[in-house]
Amino acid sequence: MIQRLLTHLAWPVRLLWIAVALVQNSFTVSTWIMWALPAVAMWILHPISLSVIRIASPGVIAVLISQLPDLDFMPTPVIAATIATIALLLIYTNDFGSAHVQAGAYGSEQRFLLRLPVSLIFPAFLSWLVMFGLLIGSEYFATNRDWFVAAAFAIVLIGSVWKLGKQLHRLSKRWLVRVPAGWVIHDGVLLAENLLIRTHQISGIQLAPAQTEALDLSGITRGIPLEITLREMTDVRLSKMLSKITKTLDAVHVQQLLVAPKQTHLIVNK
């Protein structure tokens, strides 16, 4: 039953998100905006929708939890915060994310989300915090009728969403893709260009052993990565970021690669 729920998370998350709006009694304009964006995006399975949901929804939970002391931890606010937190936990599951990225796949592609590199966790959180702070700040000054400052915050917010939002969306577009010709490492963050590995080039795919000497394309992340062994050496072009992490050149010639999809068991068992 639990596994069935995990493979059909769209509806439970939608219902929980609607319940948050029905139960709460303290939403402000900015909170309604952060609630409404995911509420619409949840009905559109797509990588862009996934980014919208994962960027906007934490703000609702942050507001609901921060209001609890002022509301004397009354049952209704506590229930609203609890439901929102459960929804957020489901939103960040592999199954929920996979449903969105797979919906945007072409033909017989099968997409597997890649794990977030440890080095990107803090910058991603900081980017989100900047946008959240600007939204709350613009509403605060507008409520106090300081229109000039509120407008300045709003303008900076629009620019931040355009710039930082696009950067965060790139994290939802990092996939290991199974295609008829083989596998594609689709990662605009760590690679300078996507890497196609044809089936006949691969001699083996396995969980990486502890002492592997393969080139790490995961950017250093938690969990055990996959080790892809090739029959011959191949060229891989790295982004500047990954070049710094691996302390190597931006173009390398290798025969073994490490990638870190979230659902490694589905790949190893293929």
Protein backbone atom coordinates (compact mmCIF):
# COMPACT_ATOMS: atom_id res chain seq x y z
CA MET A 1 0.00 0.00 0.00
CA ILE A 2 2.83 2.39 0.89
CA GLN A 3 4.61 1.65 -2.39
CA ARG A 4 1.39 2.27 -4.32
CA LEU A 5 1.02 5.61 -2.56
CA LEU A 6 4.59 6.59 -3.42
CA THR A 7 4.04 5.88 -7.10
CA HIS A 8 0.88 8.01 -7.17
CA LEU A 9 1.95 10.99 -5.08
CA ALA A 10 0.44 13.66 -7.30
CA TRP A 11 -3.07 13.31 -5.88
CA PRO A 12 -2.14 13.05 -2.17
CA VAL A 13 0.05 16.15 -2.50
CA ARG A 14 -2.68 18.08 -4.32
CA LEU A 15 -5.25 17.20 -1.66
CA LEU A 16 -2.90 18.06 1.19
CA TRP A 17 -2.04 21.38 -0.42
CA ILE A 18 -5.73 22.26 -0.82
CA ALA A 19 -6.29 21.25 2.81
CA VAL A 20 -3.61 23.73 3.91
CA ALA A 21 -5.58 26.60 2.38
CA LEU A 22 -8.86 25.37 3.84
CA VAL A 23 -7.53 24.90 7.37
CA GLN A 24 -5.38 28.02 7.73
CA ASN A 25 -6.79 31.38 8.87
CA SER A 26 -3.79 33.69 8.63
CA PHE A 27 -2.56 33.81 5.02
CA THR A 28 -1.28 37.16 3.84
CA VAL A 29 -1.02 38.25 0.20
CA SER A 30 2.54 36.97 -0.15
CA THR A 31 1.62 33.64 1.46
CA TRP A 32 -1.32 33.25 -0.91
CA ILE A 33 1.07 33.83 -3.82
CA MET A 34 3.46 31.17 -2.52
CA TRP A 35 0.52 28.80 -2.04
CA ALA A 36 -1.15 29.50 -5.40
CA LEU A 37 1.91 28.94 -7.60
CA PRO A 38 2.43 25.31 -6.44
CA ALA A 39 -1.34 24.76 -6.34
CA VAL A 40 -1.50 25.41 -10.09
CA ALA A 41 1.82 23.72 -10.91
CA MET A 42 0.77 20.49 -9.16
CA TRP A 43 -1.76 19.89 -11.93
CA ILE A 44 0.88 20.20 -14.66
CA LEU A 45 3.45 17.41 -14.60
CA HIS A 46 6.63 18.95 -16.05
CA PRO A 47 10.18 19.78 -14.91
CA ILE A 48 9.29 23.49 -14.82
CA SER A 49 6.32 22.71 -12.58
CA LEU A 50 8.60 20.74 -10.27
CA SER A 51 10.88 23.77 -9.89
CA VAL A 52 7.95 26.10 -9.20
CA ILE A 53 6.56 23.74 -6.56
CA ARG A 54 9.89 23.15 -4.82
CA ILE A 55 10.83 26.85 -4.83
CA ALA A 56 7.50 28.31 -3.67
CA SER A 57 6.11 25.70 -1.26
CA PRO A 58 8.81 25.97 1.47
CA GLY A 59 7.84 29.62 1.92
CA VAL A 60 4.32 28.64 2.96
CA ILE A 61 5.64 26.24 5.58
CA ALA A 62 8.12 28.84 6.84
CA VAL A 63 5.34 31.41 7.30
CA LEU A 64 2.94 28.97 8.98
CA ILE A 65 5.56 27.73 11.44
CA SER A 66 6.85 31.24 12.23
CA GLN A 67 3.29 32.37 13.08
CA LEU A 68 2.67 29.62 15.64
CA PRO A 69 4.09 31.49 18.70
CA ASP A 70 2.02 34.61 17.91
CA LEU A 71 -1.11 32.45 17.52
CA ASP A 72 -0.45 30.74 20.88
CA PHE A 73 -0.08 27.36 19.16
CA MET A 74 -3.83 27.06 18.72
CA PRO A 75 -5.06 23.78 17.15
CA THR A 76 -5.99 25.21 13.76
CA PRO A 77 -2.60 26.86 13.02
CA VAL A 78 -0.78 23.76 14.28
CA ILE A 79 -2.87 21.51 12.02
CA ALA A 80 -2.25 23.79 9.03
CA ALA A 81 1.52 23.79 9.66
CA THR A 82 1.54 20.02 10.13
CA ILE A 83 -0.37 19.33 6.90
CA ALA A 84 1.90 21.72 5.00
CA THR A 85 5.01 20.03 6.40
CA ILE A 86 3.75 16.58 5.36
CA ALA A 87 3.03 17.92 1.88
CA LEU A 88 6.54 19.41 1.68
CA LEU A 89 8.15 16.10 2.68
CA LEU A 90 6.24 14.35 -0.12
CA ILE A 91 7.13 17.10 -2.60
CA TYR A 92 10.82 16.42 -2.04
CA THR A 93 10.58 12.64 -2.49
CA ASN A 94 12.22 10.94 -5.47
CA ASP A 95 8.89 9.59 -6.67
CA PHE A 96 7.21 13.00 -6.80
CA GLY A 97 10.17 14.54 -8.63
CA SER A 98 10.47 11.62 -11.05
CA ALA A 99 6.79 11.89 -12.00
CA HIS A 100 7.32 15.49 -13.09
CA VAL A 101 10.58 15.06 -14.98
CA GLN A 102 9.37 11.89 -16.71
CA ALA A 103 6.22 13.69 -17.89
CA GLY A 104 8.44 15.97 -19.98
CA ALA A 105 10.39 13.09 -21.56
CA TYR A 106 10.51 12.52 -25.31
CA GLY A 107 9.35 9.21 -26.75
CA SER A 108 10.87 6.22 -24.99
CA GLU A 109 13.19 8.22 -22.73
CA GLN A 110 13.37 7.22 -19.09
CA ARG A 111 14.72 9.94 -16.84
CA PHE A 112 16.36 9.42 -13.45
CA LEU A 113 16.94 12.51 -11.32
CA LEU A 114 20.52 13.04 -10.16
CA ARG A 115 21.37 13.75 -6.54
CA LEU A 116 22.22 17.31 -5.57
CA PRO A 117 25.96 17.89 -5.04
CA VAL A 118 26.81 18.80 -1.46
CA SER A 119 28.56 21.98 -2.62
CA LEU A 120 25.29 23.30 -4.11
CA ILE A 121 23.08 22.86 -1.03
CA PHE A 122 24.04 26.11 0.68
CA PRO A 123 24.04 28.28 -2.52
CA ALA A 124 20.61 26.84 -3.43
CA PHE A 125 19.24 27.60 0.04
CA LEU A 126 20.76 31.10 -0.02
CA SER A 127 19.17 31.81 -3.42
CA TRP A 128 15.79 30.69 -2.09
CA LEU A 129 16.23 32.76 1.06
CA VAL A 130 16.95 35.91 -0.97
CA MET A 131 13.76 35.51 -3.03
CA PHE A 132 11.68 34.67 0.04
CA GLY A 133 13.06 37.66 1.95
CA LEU A 134 12.39 40.05 -0.92
CA LEU A 135 8.78 38.84 -1.24
CA ILE A 136 8.12 39.21 2.49
CA GLY A 137 9.93 42.57 2.53
CA SER A 138 7.91 44.00 -0.36
CA GLU A 139 4.67 43.01 1.37
CA TYR A 140 5.83 44.44 4.70
CA PHE A 141 6.61 47.86 3.24
CA ALA A 142 3.45 47.86 1.15
CA THR A 143 1.39 47.11 4.27
CA ASN A 144 3.05 50.09 5.97
CA ARG A 145 2.33 52.24 2.89
CA ASP A 146 5.99 52.82 2.17
CA TRP A 147 5.30 52.47 -1.53
CA PHE A 148 8.72 53.57 -2.81
CA VAL A 149 10.61 50.96 -0.77
CA ALA A 150 7.97 48.32 -1.53
CA ALA A 151 8.31 49.01 -5.25
CA ALA A 152 12.11 48.79 -4.99
CA PHE A 153 11.82 45.42 -3.24
CA ALA A 154 9.36 44.22 -5.87
CA ILE A 155 11.66 45.22 -8.74
CA VAL A 156 14.63 43.47 -7.15
CA LEU A 157 12.40 40.45 -6.48
CA ILE A 158 11.42 40.18 -10.15
CA GLY A 159 15.08 40.36 -11.16
CA SER A 160 16.02 37.76 -8.54
CA VAL A 161 13.28 35.36 -9.65
CA TRP A 162 14.45 35.72 -13.24
CA LYS A 163 18.11 35.16 -12.38
CA LEU A 164 18.10 32.90 -9.32
CA GLY A 165 14.94 31.06 -10.31
CA LYS A 166 16.55 29.97 -13.56
CA GLN A 167 19.61 28.77 -11.67
CA LEU A 168 17.48 26.72 -9.28
CA HIS A 169 15.49 25.31 -12.20
CA ARG A 170 18.73 23.88 -13.60
CA LEU A 171 18.83 21.60 -10.56
CA SER A 172 15.53 20.04 -11.69
CA LYS A 173 17.02 19.36 -15.13
CA ARG A 174 19.84 17.07 -14.00
CA TRP A 175 19.07 13.55 -15.20
CA LEU A 176 20.59 10.25 -16.18
CA VAL A 177 18.47 9.31 -19.19
CA ARG A 178 17.87 5.88 -20.70
CA VAL A 179 17.37 6.28 -24.45
CA PRO A 180 17.15 3.65 -27.23
CA ALA A 181 20.77 4.32 -28.20
CA GLY A 182 22.12 4.01 -24.64
CA TRP A 183 22.45 6.48 -21.78
CA VAL A 184 22.70 10.28 -21.60
CA ILE A 185 24.10 12.24 -18.67
CA HIS A 186 22.01 15.42 -18.91
CA ASP A 187 23.59 17.87 -16.47
CA GLY A 188 24.00 21.54 -17.37
CA VAL A 189 25.45 22.26 -13.93
CA LEU A 190 28.43 19.91 -13.84
CA LEU A 191 28.99 19.21 -17.54
CA ALA A 192 29.82 21.67 -20.32
CA GLU A 193 27.77 19.51 -22.66
CA ASN A 194 25.54 16.46 -22.27
CA LEU A 195 27.29 13.11 -22.59
CA LEU A 196 25.80 10.34 -24.74
CA ILE A 197 27.11 6.85 -23.99
CA ARG A 198 25.96 4.30 -26.55
CA THR A 199 25.01 0.82 -25.42
CA HIS A 200 27.85 -0.86 -27.32
CA GLN A 201 30.36 1.42 -25.55
CA ILE A 202 29.38 0.17 -22.09
CA SER A 203 31.01 -2.89 -20.60
CA GLY A 204 29.33 -2.62 -17.21
CA ILE A 205 27.16 -0.58 -14.82
CA GLN A 206 27.40 -1.29 -11.10
CA LEU A 207 27.37 0.32 -7.68
CA ALA A 208 30.74 1.98 -7.31
CA PRO A 209 33.27 0.14 -5.13
CA ALA A 210 34.93 2.07 -2.32
CA GLN A 211 38.32 2.30 -4.01
CA THR A 212 37.16 3.18 -7.52
CA GLU A 213 39.36 5.42 -9.66
CA ALA A 214 36.52 6.48 -11.94
CA LEU A 215 35.99 10.16 -12.78
CA ASP A 216 33.37 11.48 -10.35
CA LEU A 217 30.63 13.30 -12.30
CA SER A 218 28.34 13.47 -9.26
CA GLY A 219 29.92 16.61 -7.85
CA ILE A 220 30.38 14.75 -4.53
CA THR A 221 27.05 13.80 -3.01
CA ARG A 222 25.57 11.39 -0.49
CA GLY A 223 24.81 7.76 -1.24
CA ILE A 224 26.66 5.24 -3.37
CA PRO A 225 27.06 6.40 -6.98
CA LEU A 226 26.93 4.23 -10.08
CA GLU A 227 30.14 3.30 -11.83
CA ILE A 228 29.88 3.13 -15.62
CA THR A 229 32.76 1.30 -17.25
CA LEU A 230 33.37 1.86 -20.97
CA ARG A 231 35.06 -0.41 -23.48
CA GLU A 232 37.22 2.45 -24.72
CA MET A 233 38.39 5.86 -23.56
CA THR A 234 35.96 8.70 -24.25
CA ASP A 235 36.05 12.50 -24.03
CA VAL A 236 34.08 14.28 -21.31
CA ARG A 237 33.74 18.06 -21.10
CA LEU A 238 33.34 19.38 -17.56
CA SER A 239 31.87 22.67 -16.37
CA LYS A 240 34.16 25.09 -14.56
CA MET A 241 32.53 24.10 -11.29
CA LEU A 242 33.19 20.38 -11.71
CA SER A 243 36.73 21.07 -12.91
CA LYS A 244 37.40 22.81 -9.59
CA ILE A 245 35.76 20.03 -7.58
CA THR A 246 37.71 17.27 -9.34
CA LYS A 247 40.86 19.42 -9.60
CA THR A 248 41.30 18.49 -13.22
CA LEU A 249 41.00 19.96 -16.71
CA ASP A 250 37.69 20.95 -18.29
CA ALA A 251 38.14 18.26 -20.96
CA VAL A 252 39.25 14.78 -19.91
CA HIS A 253 39.74 11.39 -21.55
CA VAL A 254 38.41 8.60 -19.32
CA GLN A 255 37.13 5.02 -19.34
CA GLN A 256 35.21 4.96 -16.04
CA LEU A 257 32.57 7.44 -14.82
CA LEU A 258 30.62 7.96 -11.61
CA VAL A 259 27.06 9.31 -11.65
CA ALA A 260 24.62 9.56 -8.74
CA PRO A 261 20.97 9.02 -9.75
CA LYS A 262 18.47 8.95 -6.89
CA GLN A 263 17.02 5.59 -7.94
CA THR A 264 20.15 3.54 -8.48
CA HIS A 265 18.33 0.25 -7.74
CA LEU A 266 16.10 0.70 -10.80
CA ILE A 267 19.18 1.03 -13.03
CA VAL A 268 21.38 -1.68 -11.56
CA ASN A 269 18.54 -4.20 -11.77
CA LYS A 270 17.86 -3.48 -15.44
